[in-house]
Amino acid sequence: MAADSHHSIVHARRISMTWMILCLAGAVAVGFFGIAYFNEHPAVAGAVNQNAERVFIELAQILFNPWIAGILLSAILAAVMSTLSCQLLVCSSAITEDLYKAFLRKHASQKELVWVGRVMVLVVALVAIALAANPENRVLGLVSYAWAGFGAAFGPVVLFSGDVVTHDAQRCAGGDDHRCADGYRLETVRLAGSVRNYSGLYLW
């Protein structure tokens, strides 16, 4: 997205894919190491048993010096804050430009749009706080549901765009994203329950 010309796309693709492979491999390695470690040390696995997403935090605090653990935990905070600020701005801009200006106030002044954007940042932040306050919500569950809707909205359009497919068909394909995402979420819940039951039987 930040490429200065189409000639740098290939180089940028190599860098991004290499970095992504390293990040995902590290995440998978942390997960497998956490399974092995906390199975061998069940006395310190209480927090992870309640919330598996704390595995990196707990491992950093247990295995490393407090100074190193602080650096690792600050990396998590930095990633969270950078994503949070970016998403707040994106949501605020989308609501202000694509909804408020496009449908409600087509001739709104720039000053008015700035104030609406500020209010939308506050509203989106309050909604995010409400979602985070629910102890049943997990980061992976919320993110996977969001990406399911994103992929369902743009996936068919990207895959089937061309001279044969009309614009109306593309709009219909993109408009069915909520149905696909809801079905994906329900099937994920059922699958998670089945896997949990199977894994419990296996461990027993």
C-alpha atoms as a PDB file:
ATOM      1  CA  MET A   1       0.000   0.000   0.000  1.00  0.00           C
ATOM      2  CA  ALA A   2       2.906   2.370   0.647  1.00  0.00           C
ATOM      3  CA  ALA A   3       4.835   1.410  -2.499  1.00  0.00           C
ATOM      4  CA  ASP A   4       6.071   4.426  -4.435  1.00  0.00           C
ATOM      5  CA  SER A   5       5.711   2.647  -7.796  1.00  0.00           C
ATOM      6  CA  HIS A   6       4.623  -0.663  -9.271  1.00  0.00           C
ATOM      7  CA  HIS A   7       8.290  -1.628  -9.733  1.00  0.00           C
ATOM      8  CA  SER A   8       8.749  -1.974  -5.969  1.00  0.00           C
ATOM      9  CA  ILE A   9       5.733  -4.271  -5.500  1.00  0.00           C
ATOM     10  CA  VAL A  10       7.756  -7.460  -5.958  1.00  0.00           C
ATOM     11  CA  HIS A  11      10.389  -6.377  -3.447  1.00  0.00           C
ATOM     12  CA  ALA A  12       7.730  -5.227  -0.979  1.00  0.00           C
ATOM     13  CA  ARG A  13       5.883  -8.530  -1.366  1.00  0.00           C
ATOM     14  CA  ARG A  14       9.000 -10.504  -0.524  1.00  0.00           C
ATOM     15  CA  ILE A  15       9.674  -8.416   2.573  1.00  0.00           C
ATOM     16  CA  SER A  16       6.081  -8.545   3.806  1.00  0.00           C
ATOM     17  CA  MET A  17       5.681 -12.288   3.251  1.00  0.00           C
ATOM     18  CA  THR A  18       9.025 -13.047   4.920  1.00  0.00           C
ATOM     19  CA  TRP A  19       8.088 -10.939   7.919  1.00  0.00           C
ATOM     20  CA  MET A  20       4.614 -12.494   8.081  1.00  0.00           C
ATOM     21  CA  ILE A  21       6.025 -16.033   7.984  1.00  0.00           C
ATOM     22  CA  LEU A  22       8.432 -15.206  10.816  1.00  0.00           C
ATOM     23  CA  CYS A  23       5.675 -13.629  12.925  1.00  0.00           C
ATOM     24  CA  LEU A  24       3.220 -16.477  12.419  1.00  0.00           C
ATOM     25  CA  ALA A  25       5.901 -19.099  13.030  1.00  0.00           C
ATOM     26  CA  GLY A  26       6.790 -17.345  16.284  1.00  0.00           C
ATOM     27  CA  ALA A  27       3.150 -17.215  17.355  1.00  0.00           C
ATOM     28  CA  VAL A  28       2.673 -20.920  16.622  1.00  0.00           C
ATOM     29  CA  ALA A  29       5.906 -21.759  18.456  1.00  0.00           C
ATOM     30  CA  VAL A  30       4.777 -19.807  21.528  1.00  0.00           C
ATOM     31  CA  GLY A  31       1.470 -21.662  21.486  1.00  0.00           C
ATOM     32  CA  PHE A  32       3.048 -25.115  21.285  1.00  0.00           C
ATOM     33  CA  PHE A  33       5.651 -24.242  23.893  1.00  0.00           C
ATOM     34  CA  GLY A  34       2.902 -22.955  26.171  1.00  0.00           C
ATOM     35  CA  ILE A  35       0.970 -26.211  25.827  1.00  0.00           C
ATOM     36  CA  ALA A  36       4.044 -28.261  26.701  1.00  0.00           C
ATOM     37  CA  TYR A  37       5.181 -26.004  29.550  1.00  0.00           C
ATOM     38  CA  PHE A  38       1.863 -25.602  31.334  1.00  0.00           C
ATOM     39  CA  ASN A  39       1.055 -29.299  30.996  1.00  0.00           C
ATOM     40  CA  GLU A  40       4.318 -29.993  32.818  1.00  0.00           C
ATOM     41  CA  HIS A  41       3.719 -27.193  35.369  1.00  0.00           C
ATOM     42  CA  PRO A  42      -0.024 -27.179  36.118  1.00  0.00           C
ATOM     43  CA  ALA A  43       0.533 -25.256  39.371  1.00  0.00           C
ATOM     44  CA  VAL A  44       1.250 -22.043  37.428  1.00  0.00           C
ATOM     45  CA  ALA A  45      -1.298 -22.630  34.676  1.00  0.00           C
ATOM     46  CA  GLY A  46      -4.294 -21.084  36.432  1.00  0.00           C
ATOM     47  CA  ALA A  47      -4.406 -17.835  34.454  1.00  0.00           C
ATOM     48  CA  VAL A  48      -3.803 -19.616  31.152  1.00  0.00           C
ATOM     49  CA  ASN A  49      -6.538 -22.149  31.861  1.00  0.00           C
ATOM     50  CA  GLN A  50      -8.984 -19.297  32.381  1.00  0.00           C
ATOM     51  CA  ASN A  51      -7.821 -17.370  29.321  1.00  0.00           C
ATOM     52  CA  ALA A  52      -5.538 -19.073  26.805  1.00  0.00           C
ATOM     53  CA  GLU A  53      -4.673 -15.717  25.229  1.00  0.00           C
ATOM     54  CA  ARG A  54      -2.501 -14.933  28.266  1.00  0.00           C
ATOM     55  CA  VAL A  55       0.023 -17.635  27.384  1.00  0.00           C
ATOM     56  CA  PHE A  56       2.658 -15.193  26.074  1.00  0.00           C
ATOM     57  CA  ILE A  57       2.217 -12.851  29.050  1.00  0.00           C
ATOM     58  CA  GLU A  58       2.503 -15.666  31.593  1.00  0.00           C
ATOM     59  CA  LEU A  59       5.514 -17.238  29.877  1.00  0.00           C
ATOM     60  CA  ALA A  60       7.311 -13.890  29.734  1.00  0.00           C
ATOM     61  CA  GLN A  61       6.766 -13.303  33.451  1.00  0.00           C
ATOM     62  CA  ILE A  62       7.771 -16.832  34.447  1.00  0.00           C
ATOM     63  CA  LEU A  63      10.772 -17.513  32.223  1.00  0.00           C
ATOM     64  CA  PHE A  64      12.517 -14.151  31.928  1.00  0.00           C
ATOM     65  CA  ASN A  65      14.171 -11.601  34.145  1.00  0.00           C
ATOM     66  CA  PRO A  66      11.742  -8.812  35.153  1.00  0.00           C
ATOM     67  CA  TRP A  67      13.616  -6.346  32.949  1.00  0.00           C
ATOM     68  CA  ILE A  68      13.330  -8.587  29.873  1.00  0.00           C
ATOM     69  CA  ALA A  69       9.730  -9.457  30.739  1.00  0.00           C
ATOM     70  CA  GLY A  70       8.937  -5.745  30.934  1.00  0.00           C
ATOM     71  CA  ILE A  71      10.358  -5.193  27.454  1.00  0.00           C
ATOM     72  CA  LEU A  72       8.330  -8.095  26.054  1.00  0.00           C
ATOM     73  CA  LEU A  73       5.139  -6.894  27.724  1.00  0.00           C
ATOM     74  CA  SER A  74       5.732  -3.348  26.495  1.00  0.00           C
ATOM     75  CA  ALA A  75       5.943  -4.790  22.968  1.00  0.00           C
ATOM     76  CA  ILE A  76       2.422  -6.171  23.435  1.00  0.00           C
ATOM     77  CA  LEU A  77       1.223  -2.790  24.678  1.00  0.00           C
ATOM     78  CA  ALA A  78       2.864  -1.015  21.734  1.00  0.00           C
ATOM     79  CA  ALA A  79       1.171  -3.352  19.250  1.00  0.00           C
ATOM     80  CA  VAL A  80      -2.196  -2.897  20.948  1.00  0.00           C
ATOM     81  CA  MET A  81      -1.918   0.901  21.064  1.00  0.00           C
ATOM     82  CA  SER A  82      -0.793   1.237  17.445  1.00  0.00           C
ATOM     83  CA  THR A  83      -3.645  -0.952  16.220  1.00  0.00           C
ATOM     84  CA  LEU A  84      -6.124   0.808  18.490  1.00  0.00           C
ATOM     85  CA  SER A  85      -5.228   4.290  17.298  1.00  0.00           C
ATOM     86  CA  CYS A  86      -5.294   3.207  13.659  1.00  0.00           C
ATOM     87  CA  GLN A  87      -8.676   1.497  13.948  1.00  0.00           C
ATOM     88  CA  LEU A  88     -10.204   4.428  15.830  1.00  0.00           C
ATOM     89  CA  LEU A  89      -9.175   6.809  13.060  1.00  0.00           C
ATOM     90  CA  VAL A  90     -10.331   4.455  10.304  1.00  0.00           C
ATOM     91  CA  CYS A  91     -13.752   3.885  11.901  1.00  0.00           C
ATOM     92  CA  SER A  92     -14.221   7.581  12.628  1.00  0.00           C
ATOM     93  CA  SER A  93     -13.251   8.564   9.093  1.00  0.00           C
ATOM     94  CA  ALA A  94     -15.491   5.917   7.530  1.00  0.00           C
ATOM     95  CA  ILE A  95     -18.529   6.967   9.571  1.00  0.00           C
ATOM     96  CA  THR A  96     -17.900  10.673   8.985  1.00  0.00           C
ATOM     97  CA  GLU A  97     -17.184  10.548   5.254  1.00  0.00           C
ATOM     98  CA  ASP A  98     -19.111   7.494   4.046  1.00  0.00           C
ATOM     99  CA  LEU A  99     -22.241   7.853   6.195  1.00  0.00           C
ATOM    100  CA  TYR A 100     -22.593  11.345   7.648  1.00  0.00           C
ATOM    101  CA  LYS A 101     -21.370  13.330   4.653  1.00  0.00           C
ATOM    102  CA  ALA A 102     -22.652  10.957   1.983  1.00  0.00           C
ATOM    103  CA  PHE A 103     -26.210  10.543   3.303  1.00  0.00           C
ATOM    104  CA  LEU A 104     -26.974  13.043   6.078  1.00  0.00           C
ATOM    105  CA  ARG A 105     -25.077  16.262   5.334  1.00  0.00           C
ATOM    106  CA  LYS A 106     -23.735  16.301   1.799  1.00  0.00           C
ATOM    107  CA  HIS A 107     -22.738  19.963   2.015  1.00  0.00           C
ATOM    108  CA  ALA A 108     -21.228  19.874   5.498  1.00  0.00           C
ATOM    109  CA  SER A 109     -18.301  22.185   6.074  1.00  0.00           C
ATOM    110  CA  GLN A 110     -14.839  20.927   6.859  1.00  0.00           C
ATOM    111  CA  LYS A 111     -15.073  22.271  10.408  1.00  0.00           C
ATOM    112  CA  GLU A 112     -18.316  20.371  10.959  1.00  0.00           C
ATOM    113  CA  LEU A 113     -16.776  17.157   9.648  1.00  0.00           C
ATOM    114  CA  VAL A 114     -13.818  17.588  11.984  1.00  0.00           C
ATOM    115  CA  TRP A 115     -16.122  17.824  15.004  1.00  0.00           C
ATOM    116  CA  VAL A 116     -18.213  14.870  13.823  1.00  0.00           C
ATOM    117  CA  GLY A 117     -15.017  12.869  13.429  1.00  0.00           C
ATOM    118  CA  ARG A 118     -13.973  13.707  16.976  1.00  0.00           C
ATOM    119  CA  VAL A 119     -17.352  12.656  18.337  1.00  0.00           C
ATOM    120  CA  MET A 120     -17.199   9.423  16.356  1.00  0.00           C
ATOM    121  CA  VAL A 121     -13.786   8.631  17.846  1.00  0.00           C
ATOM    122  CA  LEU A 122     -15.362   8.914  21.308  1.00  0.00           C
ATOM    123  CA  VAL A 123     -18.384   6.811  20.306  1.00  0.00           C
ATOM    124  CA  VAL A 124     -16.273   4.060  18.745  1.00  0.00           C
ATOM    125  CA  ALA A 125     -14.002   4.058  21.801  1.00  0.00           C
ATOM    126  CA  LEU A 126     -17.009   3.627  24.116  1.00  0.00           C
ATOM    127  CA  VAL A 127     -18.298   0.732  22.002  1.00  0.00           C
ATOM    128  CA  ALA A 128     -14.858  -0.888  22.116  1.00  0.00           C
ATOM    129  CA  ILE A 129     -14.738  -0.476  25.900  1.00  0.00           C
ATOM    130  CA  ALA A 130     -18.170  -2.101  26.197  1.00  0.00           C
ATOM    131  CA  LEU A 131     -17.004  -5.068  24.115  1.00  0.00           C
ATOM    132  CA  ALA A 132     -13.785  -5.395  26.100  1.00  0.00           C
ATOM    133  CA  ALA A 133     -15.657  -5.231  29.418  1.00  0.00           C
ATOM    134  CA  ASN A 134     -17.479  -8.477  28.644  1.00  0.00           C
ATOM    135  CA  PRO A 135     -15.421 -11.280  30.245  1.00  0.00           C
ATOM    136  CA  GLU A 136     -16.837 -13.778  27.746  1.00  0.00           C
ATOM    137  CA  ASN A 137     -15.273 -11.966  24.794  1.00  0.00           C
ATOM    138  CA  ARG A 138     -11.846 -12.999  23.586  1.00  0.00           C
ATOM    139  CA  VAL A 139      -9.551 -11.111  21.247  1.00  0.00           C
ATOM    140  CA  LEU A 140      -9.249 -14.006  18.817  1.00  0.00           C
ATOM    141  CA  GLY A 141     -13.014 -14.483  18.661  1.00  0.00           C
ATOM    142  CA  LEU A 142     -13.736 -10.815  17.957  1.00  0.00           C
ATOM    143  CA  VAL A 143     -10.933 -10.461  15.426  1.00  0.00           C
ATOM    144  CA  SER A 144     -11.825 -13.661  13.573  1.00  0.00           C
ATOM    145  CA  TYR A 145     -15.454 -12.545  13.337  1.00  0.00           C
ATOM    146  CA  ALA A 146     -14.392  -9.136  12.005  1.00  0.00           C
ATOM    147  CA  TRP A 147     -12.069 -10.650   9.403  1.00  0.00           C
ATOM    148  CA  ALA A 148     -14.781 -13.114   8.388  1.00  0.00           C
ATOM    149  CA  GLY A 149     -17.064 -10.221   7.497  1.00  0.00           C
ATOM    150  CA  PHE A 150     -14.232  -8.394   5.757  1.00  0.00           C
ATOM    151  CA  GLY A 151     -13.291 -11.419   3.680  1.00  0.00           C
ATOM    152  CA  ALA A 152     -16.898 -12.259   2.867  1.00  0.00           C
ATOM    153  CA  ALA A 153     -17.532  -8.695   1.705  1.00  0.00           C
ATOM    154  CA  PHE A 154     -14.511  -8.271  -0.558  1.00  0.00           C
ATOM    155  CA  GLY A 155     -13.545 -11.865  -1.349  1.00  0.00           C
ATOM    156  CA  PRO A 156     -16.257 -12.559  -3.956  1.00  0.00           C
ATOM    157  CA  VAL A 157     -15.752  -9.154  -5.564  1.00  0.00           C
ATOM    158  CA  VAL A 158     -12.005  -9.689  -5.937  1.00  0.00           C
ATOM    159  CA  LEU A 159     -12.316 -13.294  -7.110  1.00  0.00           C
ATOM    160  CA  PHE A 160     -15.123 -12.789  -9.614  1.00  0.00           C
ATOM    161  CA  SER A 161     -14.516  -9.245 -10.828  1.00  0.00           C
ATOM    162  CA  GLY A 162     -14.223  -8.907 -14.580  1.00  0.00           C
ATOM    163  CA  ASP A 163     -16.141  -8.209 -17.752  1.00  0.00           C
ATOM    164  CA  VAL A 164     -18.476 -11.170 -17.258  1.00  0.00           C
ATOM    165  CA  VAL A 165     -19.601 -10.266 -13.735  1.00  0.00           C
ATOM    166  CA  THR A 166     -21.818  -7.194 -13.526  1.00  0.00           C
ATOM    167  CA  HIS A 167     -21.629  -4.476 -10.907  1.00  0.00           C
ATOM    168  CA  ASP A 168     -25.014  -5.540  -9.524  1.00  0.00           C
ATOM    169  CA  ALA A 169     -23.719  -9.074  -8.984  1.00  0.00           C
ATOM    170  CA  GLN A 170     -20.676  -7.711  -7.199  1.00  0.00           C
ATOM    171  CA  ARG A 171     -22.851  -5.570  -4.928  1.00  0.00           C
ATOM    172  CA  CYS A 172     -25.038  -8.566  -4.125  1.00  0.00           C
ATOM    173  CA  ALA A 173     -21.976 -10.664  -3.333  1.00  0.00           C
ATOM    174  CA  GLY A 174     -20.613  -7.985  -1.046  1.00  0.00           C
ATOM    175  CA  GLY A 175     -24.006  -7.450   0.585  1.00  0.00           C
ATOM    176  CA  ASP A 176     -24.221 -11.053   1.766  1.00  0.00           C
ATOM    177  CA  ASP A 177     -21.152 -10.726   3.972  1.00  0.00           C
ATOM    178  CA  HIS A 178     -23.116 -10.550   7.224  1.00  0.00           C
ATOM    179  CA  ARG A 179     -24.865 -13.848   6.465  1.00  0.00           C
ATOM    180  CA  CYS A 180     -21.562 -15.563   5.720  1.00  0.00           C
ATOM    181  CA  ALA A 181     -19.941 -14.069   8.811  1.00  0.00           C
ATOM    182  CA  ASP A 182     -22.841 -15.062  11.078  1.00  0.00           C
ATOM    183  CA  GLY A 183     -22.818 -18.595   9.698  1.00  0.00           C
ATOM    184  CA  TYR A 184     -19.062 -18.743  10.126  1.00  0.00           C
ATOM    185  CA  ARG A 185     -19.387 -17.635  13.741  1.00  0.00           C
ATOM    186  CA  LEU A 186     -22.062 -20.224  14.549  1.00  0.00           C
ATOM    187  CA  GLU A 187     -20.122 -23.039  12.916  1.00  0.00           C
ATOM    188  CA  THR A 188     -16.958 -21.928  14.730  1.00  0.00           C
ATOM    189  CA  VAL A 189     -18.757 -22.125  18.065  1.00  0.00           C
ATOM    190  CA  ARG A 190     -20.041 -25.623  17.272  1.00  0.00           C
ATOM    191  CA  LEU A 191     -16.631 -26.761  16.053  1.00  0.00           C
ATOM    192  CA  ALA A 192     -14.906 -25.310  19.118  1.00  0.00           C
ATOM    193  CA  GLY A 193     -17.293 -27.211  21.375  1.00  0.00           C
ATOM    194  CA  SER A 194     -16.693 -30.448  19.487  1.00  0.00           C
ATOM    195  CA  VAL A 195     -12.919 -30.020  19.591  1.00  0.00           C
ATOM    196  CA  ARG A 196     -13.042 -29.197  23.293  1.00  0.00           C
ATOM    197  CA  ASN A 197     -15.067 -32.324  24.023  1.00  0.00           C
ATOM    198  CA  TYR A 198     -12.752 -34.452  21.901  1.00  0.00           C
ATOM    199  CA  SER A 199      -9.612 -32.998  23.469  1.00  0.00           C
ATOM    200  CA  GLY A 200     -11.017 -33.576  26.952  1.00  0.00           C
ATOM    201  CA  LEU A 201     -11.739 -37.206  26.092  1.00  0.00           C
ATOM    202  CA  TYR A 202      -8.252 -37.581  24.610  1.00  0.00           C
ATOM    203  CA  LEU A 203      -6.524 -36.102  27.658  1.00  0.00           C
ATOM    204  CA  TRP A 204      -8.639 -38.264  29.959  1.00  0.00           C
END
